[in-house]
Amino acid sequence: MENELDHADCPVTATIALFGGRWKLLILYVLSRNTRRFGEIQVRIPAISKKVLTEQLRELEADGLISRKEYKELPPRVEYALTDFGKSLCPLLIDIAAWKRKNIG
């Protein structure tokens, strides 16, 4: 009988908890190309609501994957970018995109 996987110690479970869900990988992918303002992210992910995008950005920032830079100007401007920790996911995002092209079309 195969050993059961202890989900508490599973690296895949821990990783999915960090950026899993419907939108986080897509947000990270959008930010992997360039620093973006909130509206630019929303235009690239039109199906996400403002509320959910705000929540997801806050969670990604809290987890250290993205940074948020607020400019003291009128109108207010905020930019989001990948941190070095977030940039370390770029090879994974490239691999996911390549897998999709190869296997799904």
PDB file of N, CA and C in Angstrom:
ATOM      1  N   MET A   1       0.837  -1.178   0.000  1.00  0.00           N
ATOM      2  CA  MET A   1       0.000   0.000   0.000  1.00  0.00           C
ATOM      3  C   MET A   1       0.889   1.250   0.000  1.00  0.00           C
ATOM      4  N   GLU A   2       0.529   2.198  -0.815  1.00  0.00           N
ATOM      5  CA  GLU A   2       1.295   3.431  -0.933  1.00  0.00           C
ATOM      6  C   GLU A   2       1.119   4.284   0.313  1.00  0.00           C
ATOM      7  N   ASN A   3       2.215   4.941   0.737  1.00  0.00           N
ATOM      8  CA  ASN A   3       2.139   5.814   1.908  1.00  0.00           C
ATOM      9  C   ASN A   3       1.200   6.976   1.636  1.00  0.00           C
ATOM     10  N   GLU A   4       0.406   7.298   2.650  1.00  0.00           N
ATOM     11  CA  GLU A   4      -0.499   8.438   2.513  1.00  0.00           C
ATOM     12  C   GLU A   4       0.292   9.728   2.668  1.00  0.00           C
ATOM     13  N   LEU A   5      -0.087  10.717   1.916  1.00  0.00           N
ATOM     14  CA  LEU A   5       0.578  12.009   1.940  1.00  0.00           C
ATOM     15  C   LEU A   5       0.037  12.838   3.091  1.00  0.00           C
ATOM     16  N   ASP A   6       0.930  13.344   3.926  1.00  0.00           N
ATOM     17  CA  ASP A   6       0.534  14.229   5.016  1.00  0.00           C
ATOM     18  C   ASP A   6       0.370  15.629   4.436  1.00  0.00           C
ATOM     19  N   HIS A   7      -0.872  16.068   4.286  1.00  0.00           N
ATOM     20  CA  HIS A   7      -1.148  17.341   3.634  1.00  0.00           C
ATOM     21  C   HIS A   7      -0.544  18.525   4.380  1.00  0.00           C
ATOM     22  N   ALA A   8      -0.363  18.419   5.677  1.00  0.00           N
ATOM     23  CA  ALA A   8       0.215  19.522   6.439  1.00  0.00           C
ATOM     24  C   ALA A   8       1.671  19.772   6.045  1.00  0.00           C
ATOM     25  N   ASP A   9       2.370  18.724   5.648  1.00  0.00           N
ATOM     26  CA  ASP A   9       3.781  18.849   5.279  1.00  0.00           C
ATOM     27  C   ASP A   9       4.003  18.818   3.774  1.00  0.00           C
ATOM     28  N   CYS A  10       2.946  18.754   3.004  1.00  0.00           N
ATOM     29  CA  CYS A  10       3.060  18.628   1.558  1.00  0.00           C
ATOM     30  C   CYS A  10       3.468  19.967   0.936  1.00  0.00           C
ATOM     31  N   PRO A  11       4.570  20.001   0.179  1.00  0.00           N
ATOM     32  CA  PRO A  11       4.988  21.265  -0.439  1.00  0.00           C
ATOM     33  C   PRO A  11       4.002  21.776  -1.484  1.00  0.00           C
ATOM     34  N   VAL A  12       3.288  20.867  -2.142  1.00  0.00           N
ATOM     35  CA  VAL A  12       2.305  21.304  -3.137  1.00  0.00           C
ATOM     36  C   VAL A  12       1.139  21.996  -2.439  1.00  0.00           C
ATOM     37  N   THR A  13       0.679  21.446  -1.339  1.00  0.00           N
ATOM     38  CA  THR A  13      -0.416  22.056  -0.584  1.00  0.00           C
ATOM     39  C   THR A  13      -0.016  23.441  -0.084  1.00  0.00           C
ATOM     40  N   ALA A  14       1.182  23.566   0.444  1.00  0.00           N
ATOM     41  CA  ALA A  14       1.657  24.858   0.940  1.00  0.00           C
ATOM     42  C   ALA A  14       1.768  25.871  -0.192  1.00  0.00           C
ATOM     43  N   THR A  15       2.223  25.433  -1.339  1.00  0.00           N
ATOM     44  CA  THR A  15       2.375  26.326  -2.489  1.00  0.00           C
ATOM     45  C   THR A  15       1.030  26.778  -3.016  1.00  0.00           C
ATOM     46  N   ILE A  16       0.102  25.852  -3.142  1.00  0.00           N
ATOM     47  CA  ILE A  16      -1.239  26.200  -3.619  1.00  0.00           C
ATOM     48  C   ILE A  16      -1.930  27.156  -2.650  1.00  0.00           C
ATOM     49  N   ALA A  17      -1.694  26.986  -1.369  1.00  0.00           N
ATOM     50  CA  ALA A  17      -2.277  27.906  -0.382  1.00  0.00           C
ATOM     51  C   ALA A  17      -1.764  29.326  -0.592  1.00  0.00           C
ATOM     52  N   LEU A  18      -0.549  29.452  -1.086  1.00  0.00           N
ATOM     53  CA  LEU A  18       0.057  30.772  -1.298  1.00  0.00           C
ATOM     54  C   LEU A  18      -0.537  31.503  -2.490  1.00  0.00           C
ATOM     55  N   PHE A  19      -0.734  30.808  -3.605  1.00  0.00           N
ATOM     56  CA  PHE A  19      -1.234  31.508  -4.795  1.00  0.00           C
ATOM     57  C   PHE A  19      -2.348  30.768  -5.507  1.00  0.00           C
ATOM     58  N   GLY A  20      -2.995  29.870  -4.800  1.00  0.00           N
ATOM     59  CA  GLY A  20      -4.095  29.123  -5.395  1.00  0.00           C
ATOM     60  C   GLY A  20      -5.353  29.963  -5.503  1.00  0.00           C
ATOM     61  N   GLY A  21      -6.354  29.377  -6.053  1.00  0.00           N
ATOM     62  CA  GLY A  21      -7.606  30.091  -6.248  1.00  0.00           C
ATOM     63  C   GLY A  21      -7.788  30.457  -7.704  1.00  0.00           C
ATOM     64  N   ARG A  22      -8.901  31.078  -7.970  1.00  0.00           N
ATOM     65  CA  ARG A  22      -9.277  31.353  -9.358  1.00  0.00           C
ATOM     66  C   ARG A  22      -8.451  32.466  -9.996  1.00  0.00           C
ATOM     67  N   TRP A  23      -8.020  33.474  -9.224  1.00  0.00           N
ATOM     68  CA  TRP A  23      -7.463  34.681  -9.835  1.00  0.00           C
ATOM     69  C   TRP A  23      -5.989  34.933  -9.570  1.00  0.00           C
ATOM     70  N   LYS A  24      -5.430  34.419  -8.500  1.00  0.00           N
ATOM     71  CA  LYS A  24      -4.076  34.822  -8.110  1.00  0.00           C
ATOM     72  C   LYS A  24      -3.022  34.519  -9.158  1.00  0.00           C
ATOM     73  N   LEU A  25      -3.040  33.339  -9.737  1.00  0.00           N
ATOM     74  CA  LEU A  25      -2.041  33.032 -10.772  1.00  0.00           C
ATOM     75  C   LEU A  25      -2.188  33.953 -11.975  1.00  0.00           C
ATOM     76  N   LEU A  26      -3.405  34.265 -12.325  1.00  0.00           N
ATOM     77  CA  LEU A  26      -3.648  35.166 -13.448  1.00  0.00           C
ATOM     78  C   LEU A  26      -3.142  36.580 -13.136  1.00  0.00           C
ATOM     79  N   ILE A  27      -3.365  37.044 -11.923  1.00  0.00           N
ATOM     80  CA  ILE A  27      -2.852  38.348 -11.512  1.00  0.00           C
ATOM     81  C   ILE A  27      -1.330  38.343 -11.554  1.00  0.00           C
ATOM     82  N   LEU A  28      -0.724  37.290 -11.036  1.00  0.00           N
ATOM     83  CA  LEU A  28       0.736  37.191 -11.067  1.00  0.00           C
ATOM     84  C   LEU A  28       1.248  37.171 -12.503  1.00  0.00           C
ATOM     85  N   TYR A  29       0.546  36.471 -13.382  1.00  0.00           N
ATOM     86  CA  TYR A  29       0.933  36.426 -14.793  1.00  0.00           C
ATOM     87  C   TYR A  29       0.872  37.816 -15.420  1.00  0.00           C
ATOM     88  N   VAL A  30      -0.189  38.558 -15.137  1.00  0.00           N
ATOM     89  CA  VAL A  30      -0.328  39.926 -15.666  1.00  0.00           C
ATOM     90  C   VAL A  30       0.812  40.807 -15.148  1.00  0.00           C
ATOM     91  N   LEU A  31       1.156  40.661 -13.882  1.00  0.00           N
ATOM     92  CA  LEU A  31       2.229  41.471 -13.303  1.00  0.00           C
ATOM     93  C   LEU A  31       3.619  40.987 -13.712  1.00  0.00           C
ATOM     94  N   SER A  32       3.717  39.775 -14.225  1.00  0.00           N
ATOM     95  CA  SER A  32       5.027  39.264 -14.644  1.00  0.00           C
ATOM     96  C   SER A  32       5.544  40.004 -15.866  1.00  0.00           C
ATOM     97  N   ARG A  33       4.655  40.621 -16.601  1.00  0.00           N
ATOM     98  CA  ARG A  33       5.028  41.351 -17.814  1.00  0.00           C
ATOM     99  C   ARG A  33       5.471  42.781 -17.526  1.00  0.00           C
ATOM    100  N   ASN A  34       4.887  43.385 -16.455  1.00  0.00           N
ATOM    101  CA  ASN A  34       5.163  44.795 -16.205  1.00  0.00           C
ATOM    102  C   ASN A  34       4.500  45.229 -14.902  1.00  0.00           C
ATOM    103  N   THR A  35       4.973  46.325 -14.350  1.00  0.00           N
ATOM    104  CA  THR A  35       4.292  46.977 -13.240  1.00  0.00           C
ATOM    105  C   THR A  35       2.971  47.521 -13.773  1.00  0.00           C
ATOM    106  N   ARG A  36       1.913  47.377 -12.998  1.00  0.00           N
ATOM    107  CA  ARG A  36       0.584  47.781 -13.485  1.00  0.00           C
ATOM    108  C   ARG A  36      -0.171  48.555 -12.414  1.00  0.00           C
ATOM    109  N   ARG A  37      -1.029  49.440 -12.880  1.00  0.00           N
ATOM    110  CA  ARG A  37      -1.984  50.107 -12.012  1.00  0.00           C
ATOM    111  C   ARG A  37      -3.227  49.223 -11.905  1.00  0.00           C
ATOM    112  N   PHE A  38      -4.048  49.492 -10.889  1.00  0.00           N
ATOM    113  CA  PHE A  38      -5.242  48.691 -10.635  1.00  0.00           C
ATOM    114  C   PHE A  38      -6.091  48.566 -11.897  1.00  0.00           C
ATOM    115  N   GLY A  39      -6.374  49.679 -12.539  1.00  0.00           N
ATOM    116  CA  GLY A  39      -7.224  49.672 -13.735  1.00  0.00           C
ATOM    117  C   GLY A  39      -6.639  48.860 -14.870  1.00  0.00           C
ATOM    118  N   GLU A  40      -5.314  48.868 -14.996  1.00  0.00           N
ATOM    119  CA  GLU A  40      -4.660  48.082 -16.048  1.00  0.00           C
ATOM    120  C   GLU A  40      -4.816  46.585 -15.782  1.00  0.00           C
ATOM    121  N   ILE A  41      -4.738  46.214 -14.526  1.00  0.00           N
ATOM    122  CA  ILE A  41      -4.929  44.800 -14.171  1.00  0.00           C
ATOM    123  C   ILE A  41      -6.366  44.396 -14.478  1.00  0.00           C
ATOM    124  N   GLN A  42      -7.295  45.245 -14.088  1.00  0.00           N
ATOM    125  CA  GLN A  42      -8.705  44.923 -14.295  1.00  0.00           C
ATOM    126  C   GLN A  42      -9.042  44.817 -15.786  1.00  0.00           C
ATOM    127  N   VAL A  43      -8.468  45.660 -16.613  1.00  0.00           N
ATOM    128  CA  VAL A  43      -8.709  45.588 -18.062  1.00  0.00           C
ATOM    129  C   VAL A  43      -8.212  44.255 -18.620  1.00  0.00           C
ATOM    130  N   ARG A  44      -7.099  43.751 -18.090  1.00  0.00           N
ATOM    131  CA  ARG A  44      -6.530  42.500 -18.578  1.00  0.00           C
ATOM    132  C   ARG A  44      -7.245  41.271 -18.015  1.00  0.00           C
ATOM    133  N   ILE A  45      -8.021  41.472 -16.943  1.00  0.00           N
ATOM    134  CA  ILE A  45      -8.815  40.386 -16.351  1.00  0.00           C
ATOM    135  C   ILE A  45     -10.242  40.905 -16.195  1.00  0.00           C
ATOM    136  N   PRO A  46     -10.974  41.090 -17.283  1.00  0.00           N
ATOM    137  CA  PRO A  46     -12.279  41.746 -17.206  1.00  0.00           C
ATOM    138  C   PRO A  46     -13.337  40.986 -16.401  1.00  0.00           C
ATOM    139  N   ALA A  47     -13.185  39.694 -16.222  1.00  0.00           N
ATOM    140  CA  ALA A  47     -14.200  38.920 -15.505  1.00  0.00           C
ATOM    141  C   ALA A  47     -14.117  39.085 -13.991  1.00  0.00           C
ATOM    142  N   ILE A  48     -13.047  39.674 -13.487  1.00  0.00           N
ATOM    143  CA  ILE A  48     -12.897  39.824 -12.038  1.00  0.00           C
ATOM    144  C   ILE A  48     -13.556  41.128 -11.587  1.00  0.00           C
ATOM    145  N   SER A  49     -14.260  41.073 -10.464  1.00  0.00           N
ATOM    146  CA  SER A  49     -14.885  42.286  -9.936  1.00  0.00           C
ATOM    147  C   SER A  49     -13.828  43.130  -9.218  1.00  0.00           C
ATOM    148  N   LYS A  50     -14.125  44.411  -9.046  1.00  0.00           N
ATOM    149  CA  LYS A  50     -13.203  45.309  -8.339  1.00  0.00           C
ATOM    150  C   LYS A  50     -12.970  44.826  -6.916  1.00  0.00           C
ATOM    151  N   LYS A  51     -14.036  44.372  -6.275  1.00  0.00           N
ATOM    152  CA  LYS A  51     -13.941  43.902  -4.887  1.00  0.00           C
ATOM    153  C   LYS A  51     -13.009  42.702  -4.780  1.00  0.00           C
ATOM    154  N   VAL A  52     -13.190  41.732  -5.652  1.00  0.00           N
ATOM    155  CA  VAL A  52     -12.364  40.527  -5.604  1.00  0.00           C
ATOM    156  C   VAL A  52     -10.922  40.855  -5.987  1.00  0.00           C
ATOM    157  N   LEU A  53     -10.729  41.703  -6.993  1.00  0.00           N
ATOM    158  CA  LEU A  53      -9.372  42.090  -7.374  1.00  0.00           C
ATOM    159  C   LEU A  53      -8.667  42.763  -6.200  1.00  0.00           C
ATOM    160  N   THR A  54      -9.364  43.654  -5.522  1.00  0.00           N
ATOM    161  CA  THR A  54      -8.783  44.320  -4.357  1.00  0.00           C
ATOM    162  C   THR A  54      -8.388  43.309  -3.286  1.00  0.00           C
ATOM    163  N   GLU A  55      -9.269  42.352  -3.000  1.00  0.00           N
ATOM    164  CA  GLU A  55      -8.989  41.323  -1.991  1.00  0.00           C
ATOM    165  C   GLU A  55      -7.775  40.490  -2.385  1.00  0.00           C
ATOM    166  N   GLN A  56      -7.739  40.077  -3.644  1.00  0.00           N
ATOM    167  CA  GLN A  56      -6.649  39.224  -4.109  1.00  0.00           C
ATOM    168  C   GLN A  56      -5.314  39.971  -4.083  1.00  0.00           C
ATOM    169  N   LEU A  57      -5.325  41.241  -4.487  1.00  0.00           N
ATOM    170  CA  LEU A  57      -4.096  42.041  -4.444  1.00  0.00           C
ATOM    171  C   LEU A  57      -3.612  42.193  -3.005  1.00  0.00           C
ATOM    172  N   ARG A  58      -4.518  42.414  -2.077  1.00  0.00           N
ATOM    173  CA  ARG A  58      -4.133  42.539  -0.667  1.00  0.00           C
ATOM    174  C   ARG A  58      -3.516  41.244  -0.143  1.00  0.00           C
ATOM    175  N   GLU A  59      -4.113  40.114  -0.511  1.00  0.00           N
ATOM    176  CA  GLU A  59      -3.583  38.828  -0.061  1.00  0.00           C
ATOM    177  C   GLU A  59      -2.206  38.558  -0.673  1.00  0.00           C
ATOM    178  N   LEU A  60      -2.054  38.851  -1.953  1.00  0.00           N
ATOM    179  CA  LEU A  60      -0.753  38.648  -2.604  1.00  0.00           C
ATOM    180  C   LEU A  60       0.312  39.553  -1.992  1.00  0.00           C
ATOM    181  N   GLU A  61      -0.080  40.763  -1.636  1.00  0.00           N
ATOM    182  CA  GLU A  61       0.858  41.679  -0.983  1.00  0.00           C
ATOM    183  C   GLU A  61       1.215  41.174   0.418  1.00  0.00           C
ATOM    184  N   ALA A  62       0.220  40.727   1.164  1.00  0.00           N
ATOM    185  CA  ALA A  62       0.456  40.206   2.514  1.00  0.00           C
ATOM    186  C   ALA A  62       1.373  38.985   2.496  1.00  0.00           C
ATOM    187  N   ASP A  63       1.276  38.201   1.425  1.00  0.00           N
ATOM    188  CA  ASP A  63       2.114  37.006   1.296  1.00  0.00           C
ATOM    189  C   ASP A  63       3.488  37.315   0.708  1.00  0.00           C
ATOM    190  N   GLY A  64       3.730  38.581   0.380  1.00  0.00           N
ATOM    191  CA  GLY A  64       5.046  38.977  -0.097  1.00  0.00           C
ATOM    192  C   GLY A  64       5.309  38.720  -1.564  1.00  0.00           C
ATOM    193  N   LEU A  65       4.266  38.396  -2.333  1.00  0.00           N
ATOM    194  CA  LEU A  65       4.453  38.102  -3.759  1.00  0.00           C
ATOM    195  C   LEU A  65       4.419  39.357  -4.629  1.00  0.00           C
ATOM    196  N   ILE A  66       3.700  40.383  -4.175  1.00  0.00           N
ATOM    197  CA  ILE A  66       3.644  41.633  -4.925  1.00  0.00           C
ATOM    198  C   ILE A  66       3.898  42.796  -3.977  1.00  0.00           C
ATOM    199  N   SER A  67       4.282  43.917  -4.567  1.00  0.00           N
ATOM    200  CA  SER A  67       4.431  45.142  -3.795  1.00  0.00           C
ATOM    201  C   SER A  67       3.421  46.161  -4.304  1.00  0.00           C
ATOM    202  N   ARG A  68       3.066  47.057  -3.432  1.00  0.00           N
ATOM    203  CA  ARG A  68       2.110  48.124  -3.744  1.00  0.00           C
ATOM    204  C   ARG A  68       2.804  49.446  -3.459  1.00  0.00           C
ATOM    205  N   LYS A  69       2.887  50.286  -4.475  1.00  0.00           N
ATOM    206  CA  LYS A  69       3.529  51.594  -4.310  1.00  0.00           C
ATOM    207  C   LYS A  69       2.487  52.678  -4.534  1.00  0.00           C
ATOM    208  N   GLU A  70       2.302  53.490  -3.506  1.00  0.00           N
ATOM    209  CA  GLU A  70       1.321  54.564  -3.561  1.00  0.00           C
ATOM    210  C   GLU A  70       2.048  55.887  -3.779  1.00  0.00           C
ATOM    211  N   TYR A  71       1.616  56.619  -4.780  1.00  0.00           N
ATOM    212  CA  TYR A  71       2.197  57.917  -5.099  1.00  0.00           C
ATOM    213  C   TYR A  71       1.336  59.013  -4.489  1.00  0.00           C
ATOM    214  N   LYS A  72       1.960  59.970  -3.859  1.00  0.00           N
ATOM    215  CA  LYS A  72       1.258  61.085  -3.213  1.00  0.00           C
ATOM    216  C   LYS A  72       1.018  62.181  -4.261  1.00  0.00           C
ATOM    217  N   GLU A  73       0.003  61.979  -5.065  1.00  0.00           N
ATOM    218  CA  GLU A  73      -0.346  62.953  -6.092  1.00  0.00           C
ATOM    219  C   GLU A  73      -1.846  62.910  -6.319  1.00  0.00           C
ATOM    220  N   LEU A  74      -2.344  63.892  -7.026  1.00  0.00           N
ATOM    221  CA  LEU A  74      -3.759  63.933  -7.357  1.00  0.00           C
ATOM    222  C   LEU A  74      -3.922  63.841  -8.861  1.00  0.00           C
ATOM    223  N   PRO A  75      -4.737  62.965  -9.381  1.00  0.00           N
ATOM    224  CA  PRO A  75      -5.454  61.938  -8.619  1.00  0.00           C
ATOM    225  C   PRO A  75      -4.478  60.886  -8.090  1.00  0.00           C
ATOM    226  N   PRO A  76      -4.876  60.189  -7.022  1.00  0.00           N
ATOM    227  CA  PRO A  76      -3.993  59.190  -6.429  1.00  0.00           C
ATOM    228  C   PRO A  76      -3.608  58.114  -7.453  1.00  0.00           C
ATOM    229  N   ARG A  77      -2.379  57.665  -7.353  1.00  0.00           N
ATOM    230  CA  ARG A  77      -1.899  56.618  -8.257  1.00  0.00           C
ATOM    231  C   ARG A  77      -1.251  55.530  -7.412  1.00  0.00           C
ATOM    232  N   VAL A  78      -1.611  54.279  -7.697  1.00  0.00           N
ATOM    233  CA  VAL A  78      -1.044  53.122  -7.013  1.00  0.00           C
ATOM    234  C   VAL A  78      -0.581  52.144  -8.081  1.00  0.00           C
ATOM    235  N   GLU A  79       0.627  51.616  -7.902  1.00  0.00           N
ATOM    236  CA  GLU A  79       1.154  50.631  -8.842  1.00  0.00           C
ATOM    237  C   GLU A  79       1.480  49.340  -8.102  1.00  0.00           C
ATOM    238  N   TYR A  80       1.266  48.245  -8.811  1.00  0.00           N
ATOM    239  CA  TYR A  80       1.552  46.920  -8.274  1.00  0.00           C
ATOM    240  C   TYR A  80       2.648  46.278  -9.122  1.00  0.00           C
ATOM    241  N   ALA A  81       3.547  45.575  -8.457  1.00  0.00           N
ATOM    242  CA  ALA A  81       4.645  44.899  -9.152  1.00  0.00           C
ATOM    243  C   ALA A  81       4.984  43.617  -8.397  1.00  0.00           C
ATOM    244  N   LEU A  82       5.607  42.699  -9.097  1.00  0.00           N
ATOM    245  CA  LEU A  82       6.097  41.495  -8.432  1.00  0.00           C
ATOM    246  C   LEU A  82       7.299  41.838  -7.566  1.00  0.00           C
ATOM    247  N   THR A  83       7.365  41.241  -6.408  1.00  0.00           N
ATOM    248  CA  THR A  83       8.570  41.324  -5.581  1.00  0.00           C
ATOM    249  C   THR A  83       9.563  40.302  -6.128  1.00  0.00           C
ATOM    250  N   ASP A  84      10.760  40.266  -5.577  1.00  0.00           N
ATOM    251  CA  ASP A  84      11.720  39.230  -5.984  1.00  0.00           C
ATOM    252  C   ASP A  84      11.146  37.844  -5.707  1.00  0.00           C
ATOM    253  N   PHE A  85      10.447  37.718  -4.588  1.00  0.00           N
ATOM    254  CA  PHE A  85       9.796  36.451  -4.252  1.00  0.00           C
ATOM    255  C   PHE A  85       8.759  36.090  -5.313  1.00  0.00           C
ATOM    256  N   GLY A  86       7.957  37.076  -5.721  1.00  0.00           N
ATOM    257  CA  GLY A  86       6.965  36.853  -6.775  1.00  0.00           C
ATOM    258  C   GLY A  86       7.610  36.539  -8.111  1.00  0.00           C
ATOM    259  N   LYS A  87       8.719  37.221  -8.421  1.00  0.00           N
ATOM    260  CA  LYS A  87       9.430  36.963  -9.680  1.00  0.00           C
ATOM    261  C   LYS A  87       9.979  35.540  -9.736  1.00  0.00           C
ATOM    262  N   SER A  88      10.232  34.952  -8.578  1.00  0.00           N
ATOM    263  CA  SER A  88      10.735  33.572  -8.567  1.00  0.00           C
ATOM    264  C   SER A  88       9.695  32.591  -9.107  1.00  0.00           C
ATOM    265  N   LEU A  89       8.435  33.033  -9.221  1.00  0.00           N
ATOM    266  CA  LEU A  89       7.375  32.192  -9.792  1.00  0.00           C
ATOM    267  C   LEU A  89       7.303  32.272 -11.316  1.00  0.00           C
ATOM    268  N   CYS A  90       7.996  33.222 -11.923  1.00  0.00           N
ATOM    269  CA  CYS A  90       7.918  33.406 -13.380  1.00  0.00           C
ATOM    270  C   CYS A  90       8.253  32.134 -14.166  1.00  0.00           C
ATOM    271  N   PRO A  91       9.297  31.383 -13.805  1.00  0.00           N
ATOM    272  CA  PRO A  91       9.538  30.138 -14.545  1.00  0.00           C
ATOM    273  C   PRO A  91       8.357  29.167 -14.466  1.00  0.00           C
ATOM    274  N   LEU A  92       7.692  29.117 -13.329  1.00  0.00           N
ATOM    275  CA  LEU A  92       6.511  28.265 -13.178  1.00  0.00           C
ATOM    276  C   LEU A  92       5.390  28.745 -14.091  1.00  0.00           C
ATOM    277  N   LEU A  93       5.167  30.057 -14.164  1.00  0.00           N
ATOM    278  CA  LEU A  93       4.130  30.606 -15.037  1.00  0.00           C
ATOM    279  C   LEU A  93       4.430  30.298 -16.503  1.00  0.00           C
ATOM    280  N   ILE A  94       5.693  30.390 -16.889  1.00  0.00           N
ATOM    281  CA  ILE A  94       6.101  30.052 -18.259  1.00  0.00           C
ATOM    282  C   ILE A  94       5.845  28.577 -18.537  1.00  0.00           C
ATOM    283  N   ASP A  95       6.177  27.724 -17.578  1.00  0.00           N
ATOM    284  CA  ASP A  95       5.943  26.284 -17.743  1.00  0.00           C
ATOM    285  C   ASP A  95       4.449  25.964 -17.849  1.00  0.00           C
ATOM    286  N   ILE A  96       3.630  26.623 -17.056  1.00  0.00           N
ATOM    287  CA  ILE A  96       2.178  26.400 -17.126  1.00  0.00           C
ATOM    288  C   ILE A  96       1.660  26.798 -18.501  1.00  0.00           C
ATOM    289  N   ALA A  97       2.109  27.954 -19.001  1.00  0.00           N
ATOM    290  CA  ALA A  97       1.673  28.409 -20.330  1.00  0.00           C
ATOM    291  C   ALA A  97       2.128  27.434 -21.410  1.00  0.00           C
ATOM    292  N   ALA A  98       3.363  26.942 -21.318  1.00  0.00           N
ATOM    293  CA  ALA A  98       3.874  25.976 -22.303  1.00  0.00           C
ATOM    294  C   ALA A  98       3.106  24.664 -22.229  1.00  0.00           C
ATOM    295  N   TRP A  99       2.793  24.214 -21.017  1.00  0.00           N
ATOM    296  CA  TRP A  99       2.017  22.973 -20.860  1.00  0.00           C
ATOM    297  C   TRP A  99       0.653  23.123 -21.509  1.00  0.00           C
ATOM    298  N   LYS A 100       0.018  24.279 -21.289  1.00  0.00           N
ATOM    299  CA  LYS A 100      -1.300  24.525 -21.870  1.00  0.00           C
ATOM    300  C   LYS A 100      -1.235  24.477 -23.403  1.00  0.00           C
ATOM    301  N   ARG A 101      -0.248  25.165 -23.991  1.00  0.00           N
ATOM    302  CA  ARG A 101      -0.122  25.178 -25.453  1.00  0.00           C
ATOM    303  C   ARG A 101       0.110  23.778 -25.999  1.00  0.00           C
ATOM    304  N   LYS A 102       0.893  22.980 -25.303  1.00  0.00           N
ATOM    305  CA  LYS A 102       1.215  21.629 -25.771  1.00  0.00           C
ATOM    306  C   LYS A 102       0.041  20.671 -25.610  1.00  0.00           C
ATOM    307  N   ASN A 103      -0.682  20.782 -24.522  1.00  0.00           N
ATOM    308  CA  ASN A 103      -1.685  19.770 -24.191  1.00  0.00           C
ATOM    309  C   ASN A 103      -3.137  20.183 -24.451  1.00  0.00           C
ATOM    310  N   ILE A 104      -3.404  21.460 -24.483  1.00  0.00           N
ATOM    311  CA  ILE A 104      -4.782  21.898 -24.630  1.00  0.00           C
ATOM    312  C   ILE A 104      -4.970  22.657 -25.936  1.00  0.00           C
ATOM    313  N   GLY A 105      -3.944  23.279 -26.417  1.00  0.00           N
ATOM    314  CA  GLY A 105      -4.024  23.991 -27.689  1.00  0.00           C
ATOM    315  C   GLY A 105      -4.055  25.458 -27.574  1.00  0.00           C
TER     316      GLY A 105
END
